[in-house]
Protein backbone atom coordinates (compact mmCIF):
# COMPACT_ATOMS: atom_id res chain seq x y z
CA MET A 1 153.45 133.83 125.71
CA ASP A 2 150.73 131.86 123.93
CA ASP A 3 147.74 134.01 124.83
CA ASP A 4 146.36 135.90 121.79
CA ARG A 5 144.43 138.85 123.15
CA TYR A 6 142.73 139.35 119.81
CA GLY A 7 141.70 135.73 119.27
CA SER A 8 141.83 133.97 115.91
CA ASP A 9 142.08 135.62 112.53
CA VAL A 10 138.64 137.12 111.80
CA LEU A 11 139.23 136.76 108.07
CA SER A 12 139.96 133.04 108.22
CA GLY A 13 137.31 130.54 107.22
CA ASP A 14 134.04 131.26 105.40
CA TRP A 15 133.43 134.57 107.16
CA ARG A 16 131.25 136.00 104.37
CA SER A 17 128.51 133.38 104.85
CA ARG A 18 128.28 133.67 108.62
CA GLY A 19 124.82 134.70 109.66
CA VAL A 20 123.52 134.41 106.09
CA LYS A 21 120.49 132.14 105.71
CA LYS A 22 121.09 129.37 103.21
CA VAL A 23 118.66 129.19 100.30
CA ARG A 24 117.16 125.76 99.75
CA GLN A 25 117.56 124.12 96.35
CA VAL A 26 114.57 122.26 94.89
CA PRO A 27 114.49 120.13 91.73
CA LEU A 28 112.71 121.89 88.88
CA GLU A 29 109.36 120.32 87.95
CA ARG A 30 106.95 121.02 85.14
CA ASP A 31 103.90 123.02 86.33
CA MET A 32 105.73 124.15 89.49
CA VAL A 33 104.46 127.67 90.23
CA LEU A 34 107.33 130.10 90.74
CA GLU A 35 107.63 133.86 91.21
CA ASP A 36 110.54 136.00 90.13
CA PRO A 37 111.17 138.22 93.19
CA ALA A 38 112.72 141.03 91.13
CA THR A 39 109.76 141.54 88.77
CA GLY A 40 106.87 139.88 90.60
CA TRP A 41 106.14 137.70 87.56
CA ALA A 42 104.52 134.45 88.67
CA GLY A 43 103.66 131.43 86.56
CA ALA A 44 103.93 127.71 86.06
CA VAL A 45 107.03 126.09 84.62
CA VAL A 46 106.44 125.05 81.01
CA ARG A 47 109.94 124.81 79.54
CA LEU A 48 113.64 124.61 80.38
CA GLU A 49 115.81 125.58 77.45
CA ALA A 50 119.25 127.12 76.89
CA GLY A 51 119.75 127.85 80.57
CA ASN A 52 116.40 129.63 80.94
CA VAL A 53 113.22 128.51 82.66
CA GLU A 54 109.99 129.63 81.00
CA LEU A 55 107.01 130.55 83.20
CA GLU A 56 103.43 130.80 81.97
CA ASP A 57 101.05 133.02 83.93
CA TRP A 58 97.29 132.50 84.36
CA LYS A 59 96.58 134.51 81.21
CA GLY A 60 98.73 132.17 79.10
CA ARG A 61 101.58 134.69 78.71
CA THR A 62 105.13 133.37 78.99
CA ARG A 63 108.40 134.88 80.15
CA SER A 64 111.88 133.38 80.56
CA PHE A 65 114.24 133.77 83.50
CA PRO A 66 117.78 132.46 84.13
CA PHE A 67 117.68 128.95 85.57
CA SER A 68 120.53 129.89 87.90
CA GLY A 69 118.52 132.67 89.54
CA GLN A 70 116.48 132.66 92.74
CA PHE A 71 112.70 132.27 92.84
CA LEU A 72 109.85 132.30 95.32
CA LEU A 73 108.16 128.92 95.77
CA GLU A 74 105.05 129.17 97.95
CA GLY A 75 106.61 132.23 99.55
CA GLU A 76 110.03 130.63 100.18
CA LEU A 77 113.14 131.86 98.39
CA VAL A 78 114.73 128.90 96.57
CA THR A 79 117.22 128.05 93.87
CA LEU A 80 116.48 125.46 91.21
CA GLY A 81 118.16 122.09 90.81
CA ARG A 82 118.24 119.94 87.72
CA PRO A 83 114.83 118.36 86.95
CA GLN A 84 114.34 114.68 87.69
CA ALA A 85 112.03 114.32 84.68
CA PRO A 86 111.99 116.07 81.29
CA VAL A 87 110.56 119.59 81.34
CA GLY A 88 109.03 120.78 78.07
CA ARG A 89 105.77 121.64 76.42
CA ARG A 90 103.31 118.79 76.26
CA GLY A 91 100.15 118.31 74.29
CA ALA A 92 96.94 118.73 76.24
CA PRO A 93 95.87 115.59 78.06
CA GLY A 94 93.53 113.44 76.06
CA ALA A 95 89.94 112.78 76.92
CA ALA A 96 89.47 110.14 79.56
CA GLY A 97 87.40 107.18 78.63
CA PRO A 98 86.35 104.38 80.95
CA ALA A 99 89.12 103.95 83.48
CA GLY A 100 89.30 100.29 84.26
CA ALA A 101 89.27 98.33 81.13
CA ALA A 102 92.13 96.16 80.28
CA THR A 103 94.89 97.97 78.42
CA GLY A 104 98.03 99.68 79.71
CA THR A 105 100.05 98.97 82.81
CA ALA A 106 98.89 99.58 86.32
CA ALA A 107 101.43 102.37 86.79
CA GLY A 108 99.80 104.68 84.26
CA ARG A 109 98.63 105.44 80.74
CA PRO A 110 98.06 108.56 78.63
CA GLY A 111 95.77 110.88 80.59
CA SER A 112 97.11 109.74 83.95
CA ALA A 113 99.78 111.72 85.73
CA PRO A 114 103.07 109.75 85.73
CA ALA A 115 104.17 107.80 88.78
CA VAL A 116 107.18 109.31 90.56
CA ARG A 117 109.96 107.78 92.63
CA HIS A 118 110.73 109.37 96.00
CA ALA A 119 113.99 108.86 97.84
CA SER A 120 112.13 108.98 101.16
CA ASP A 121 110.18 105.88 100.08
CA GLY A 122 113.28 103.89 99.22
CA GLY A 123 112.94 104.71 95.55
CA ARG A 124 109.49 103.12 95.21
CA LEU A 125 107.09 104.59 92.67
CA ARG A 126 104.09 106.52 93.90
CA THR A 127 101.06 107.24 91.74
CA ALA A 128 99.50 110.68 91.45
CA SER A 129 97.05 109.73 94.22
CA GLY A 130 99.93 109.10 96.63
CA SER A 131 99.60 105.30 96.60
CA PHE A 132 102.54 103.01 95.96
CA ALA A 133 102.45 102.03 92.29
CA VAL A 134 102.09 98.37 91.39
CA GLU A 135 104.81 97.89 88.78
CA GLN A 136 104.85 95.37 85.94
CA GLN A 137 101.20 94.46 86.44
CA ARG A 138 98.55 94.55 83.76
CA ALA A 139 95.24 96.20 84.53
CA ARG A 140 92.63 93.86 85.95
CA VAL A 141 89.49 92.81 84.15
CA ALA A 142 86.82 95.34 85.07
CA LEU A 143 84.77 94.67 88.18
CA PRO A 144 80.98 94.65 87.85
CA SER A 145 80.78 97.64 90.19
CA ARG A 146 81.14 101.19 88.83
CA ILE A 147 82.02 104.73 89.81
CA MET A 148 79.84 107.31 88.07
CA VAL A 149 80.63 111.00 87.71
CA GLU A 150 78.59 113.88 86.34
CA GLY A 151 80.56 114.73 83.24
CA LYS A 152 83.67 114.61 81.11
CA HIS A 153 85.74 117.02 83.20
CA ASP A 154 85.07 115.02 86.37
CA ALA A 155 86.10 111.83 84.56
CA GLU A 156 89.30 113.38 83.24
CA LEU A 157 90.34 114.63 86.67
CA VAL A 158 89.64 111.26 88.31
CA GLU A 159 91.61 109.56 85.54
CA LYS A 160 94.59 111.86 85.94
CA VAL A 161 94.95 111.43 89.70
CA TRP A 162 93.44 108.01 90.42
CA GLY A 163 93.62 106.27 87.03
CA ALA A 164 96.54 103.98 87.90
CA ASP A 165 94.88 102.89 91.15
CA LEU A 166 91.55 102.25 89.45
CA ARG A 167 93.14 100.01 86.83
CA VAL A 168 94.83 97.95 89.54
CA GLU A 169 91.44 97.50 91.20
CA GLY A 170 89.58 96.98 87.92
CA VAL A 171 87.18 99.87 88.48
CA VAL A 172 85.51 101.59 85.53
CA VAL A 173 84.47 105.25 85.67
CA GLU A 174 81.40 106.22 83.66
CA GLU A 175 79.91 109.64 82.83
CA LEU A 176 76.31 110.42 83.73
CA SER A 177 76.06 113.52 81.52
CA GLY A 178 74.35 115.25 84.44
CA VAL A 179 72.98 114.17 87.81
CA ASP A 180 69.47 114.48 86.37
CA ASN A 181 70.10 111.18 84.58
CA LEU A 182 71.15 109.27 87.70
CA ALA A 183 67.82 107.56 88.44
CA SER A 184 67.34 106.26 84.90
CA VAL A 185 70.96 105.09 84.68
CA LEU A 186 70.58 103.15 87.92
CA ASP A 187 67.35 101.56 86.73
CA GLU A 188 69.18 100.32 83.67
CA PHE A 189 72.29 99.21 85.59
CA GLN A 190 70.30 97.53 88.41
CA PRO A 191 72.79 97.71 91.29
CA SER A 192 73.14 94.78 93.67
CA ARG A 193 75.46 93.58 96.42
CA ASP A 194 77.88 92.42 93.74
CA ARG A 195 77.24 95.37 91.39
CA ARG A 196 77.71 98.43 93.53
CA VAL A 197 77.62 101.99 92.23
CA GLY A 198 79.47 104.92 93.73
CA VAL A 199 78.43 108.36 92.48
CA LEU A 200 80.42 111.60 92.66
CA VAL A 201 78.25 114.73 92.48
CA ASP A 202 79.21 118.40 92.11
CA HIS A 203 77.79 121.05 94.46
CA LEU A 204 76.35 118.60 96.97
CA VAL A 205 75.22 121.13 99.58
CA PRO A 206 71.98 121.36 101.57
CA GLY A 207 69.08 122.66 99.47
CA SER A 208 70.78 122.21 96.11
CA LYS A 209 69.26 120.36 93.16
CA GLU A 210 72.05 117.83 93.45
CA SER A 211 71.27 117.10 97.10
CA ARG A 212 67.61 116.47 96.27
CA PHE A 213 68.53 113.96 93.56
CA ALA A 214 71.01 112.26 95.88
CA ASP A 215 68.51 111.99 98.73
CA ALA A 216 65.88 110.51 96.41
CA VAL A 217 68.31 107.86 95.15
CA MET A 218 69.53 106.89 98.60
CA ARG A 219 65.91 106.48 99.79
CA GLY A 220 64.92 104.57 96.67
CA LYS A 221 64.99 100.90 95.69
CA TRP A 222 68.71 100.92 94.86
CA GLY A 223 69.83 102.79 97.97
CA ALA A 224 71.33 99.77 99.73
CA HIS A 225 73.83 99.25 96.93
CA VAL A 226 74.53 102.85 95.92
CA LEU A 227 76.66 105.51 97.61
CA VAL A 228 76.24 109.12 96.52
CA VAL A 229 78.86 111.56 97.77
CA GLY A 230 79.91 114.98 96.59
CA HIS A 231 81.96 118.07 97.06
CA PRO A 232 80.69 121.60 97.83
CA PHE A 233 82.14 123.28 94.74
CA VAL A 234 79.95 124.68 91.96
CA ASP A 235 82.02 122.67 89.49
CA VAL A 236 84.92 120.25 89.65
CA TRP A 237 87.17 123.04 88.30
CA GLN A 238 87.09 124.57 91.78
CA SER A 239 88.50 121.41 93.32
CA VAL A 240 91.86 122.34 91.81
CA LYS A 241 93.68 124.56 94.28
CA PRO A 242 93.70 128.15 92.95
CA SER A 243 97.40 128.46 93.76
CA ARG A 244 98.09 126.03 90.91
CA LEU A 245 96.89 128.79 88.59
CA GLY A 246 98.73 131.54 90.43
CA LEU A 247 95.50 132.73 92.08
CA ALA A 248 94.78 133.51 95.70
CA ALA A 249 91.19 132.32 95.26
CA TRP A 250 88.76 131.34 92.53
CA PRO A 251 86.74 134.33 91.23
CA VAL A 252 83.20 134.66 92.57
CA ILE A 253 80.71 134.48 89.70
CA PRO A 254 77.16 135.91 89.97
CA ARG A 255 74.38 133.33 89.60
CA SER A 256 73.07 135.19 86.56
CA ILE A 257 76.22 134.20 84.60
CA GLU A 258 77.04 130.68 83.44
CA TRP A 259 79.74 129.68 85.88
CA LYS A 260 82.44 128.32 83.55
CA LYS A 261 82.07 131.20 81.11
CA GLY A 262 82.17 133.61 84.02
CA ILE A 263 85.38 132.05 85.30
CA CYS A 264 87.01 132.32 81.88
CA GLN A 265 85.88 135.92 81.53
CA ALA A 266 87.19 136.83 84.98
CA LEU A 267 90.57 135.27 84.16
CA GLY A 268 90.80 136.98 80.80
CA TRP A 269 90.48 133.71 78.84
CA PRO A 270 88.41 133.24 75.64
CA HIS A 271 84.91 132.05 76.50
CA ALA A 272 82.59 132.71 73.54
CA GLU A 273 82.44 129.11 72.30
CA GLN A 274 82.31 125.66 73.86
CA ALA A 275 85.74 124.97 72.41
CA ASP A 276 87.06 127.88 74.52
CA ILE A 277 85.64 126.26 77.65
CA ALA A 278 87.23 122.95 76.69
CA ARG A 279 90.61 124.61 76.23
CA ALA A 280 90.25 126.40 79.55
CA TRP A 281 89.65 123.10 81.31
CA GLN A 282 92.69 121.53 79.66
CA ARG A 283 94.75 124.48 80.91
CA ILE A 284 93.46 123.89 84.44
CA LEU A 285 93.85 120.11 84.23
CA GLY A 286 97.40 120.59 82.98
CA ARG A 287 98.29 122.23 86.28
CA VAL A 288 97.31 119.12 88.25
CA ARG A 289 100.27 116.88 89.02
CA THR A 290 99.22 114.88 92.10
CA PHE A 291 96.53 114.68 94.76
CA ALA A 292 98.30 117.54 96.57
CA ASP A 293 97.01 119.94 93.90
CA LEU A 294 93.38 119.16 94.77
CA GLU A 295 91.19 120.34 97.62
CA PRO A 296 90.64 117.80 100.45
CA GLN A 297 86.85 118.06 100.02
CA LEU A 298 87.25 116.15 96.73
CA LEU A 299 90.06 113.82 97.75
CA GLY A 300 88.20 112.22 100.61
CA ARG A 301 85.06 111.66 98.57
CA VAL A 302 86.83 109.88 95.72
CA GLU A 303 88.72 107.64 98.12
CA GLU A 304 85.42 106.83 99.85
CA LEU A 305 83.88 105.76 96.53
CA ILE A 306 86.85 103.56 95.63
CA ASP A 307 86.58 101.81 99.00
CA PHE A 308 82.83 101.34 98.55
CA VAL A 309 82.95 99.72 95.10
CA THR A 310 85.98 97.53 95.88
CA GLU A 311 84.77 96.23 99.25
CA PRO A 312 85.24 92.46 99.30
CA ARG A 313 82.10 90.42 98.91
CA GLY A 314 80.84 89.32 102.28
């Protein structure tokens, strides 16, 4: 009689894994923010060495955990796979100068985030902005049009995410050293149909000083050839997603306190000198890998400016 009243052997096959949810494996990346579920320690990946992954928290403290362990990535339990690019401590990104002049390749230069190949794109390189990289092409001679930003930190962030794209287009980014200087800079530059100027402004919200300057420029003699756009954040620092620093949200700073110093103080970072503020920004900038680490309120505005200054002559 062939009928087996008890069915097949319950111990045959991979019975231990039945009903157990599989943990996804993700390639380790520098600056990936992970949390050790056993201790609650959360930080960005800064080093892989001797079978341990080193995480740096938002206070700059580091702690090592076994690479073979499990971690929380954006709330999901994962294991780590071998990195696709070297993981190790880097020097702070250098200051960004004009971003369109004629050295370096279109795929990137120091200060820009490296282009990355994705299997889903057939192995093609993508820049930090998400665009397909133009390989083996020298940067174009700079266009007469310009993108202007308020200060050094704005320029460095634009360079890191959009630098490769801007060099392909031949677009130079210049610092205004404050929106207060915009009118005089435009008078000197003298925009025209062939010399357009796109301007990125911090804290462009109704009633702000920045909005008054922007409105005056757009109504003025250069308005037809100038586009002023902005984001709602007090400073470009806030355009970096707080999760990249292991934060749920950026601290709220009273108006009576200088904003950047207040941020550093709230995060427990040194803030007494300007050099402290510069180091704080490099720490923040170091957490930015691609456009996905920035808030959409900034992304759309920068893309709008690039389109404006590269519009074909009609």
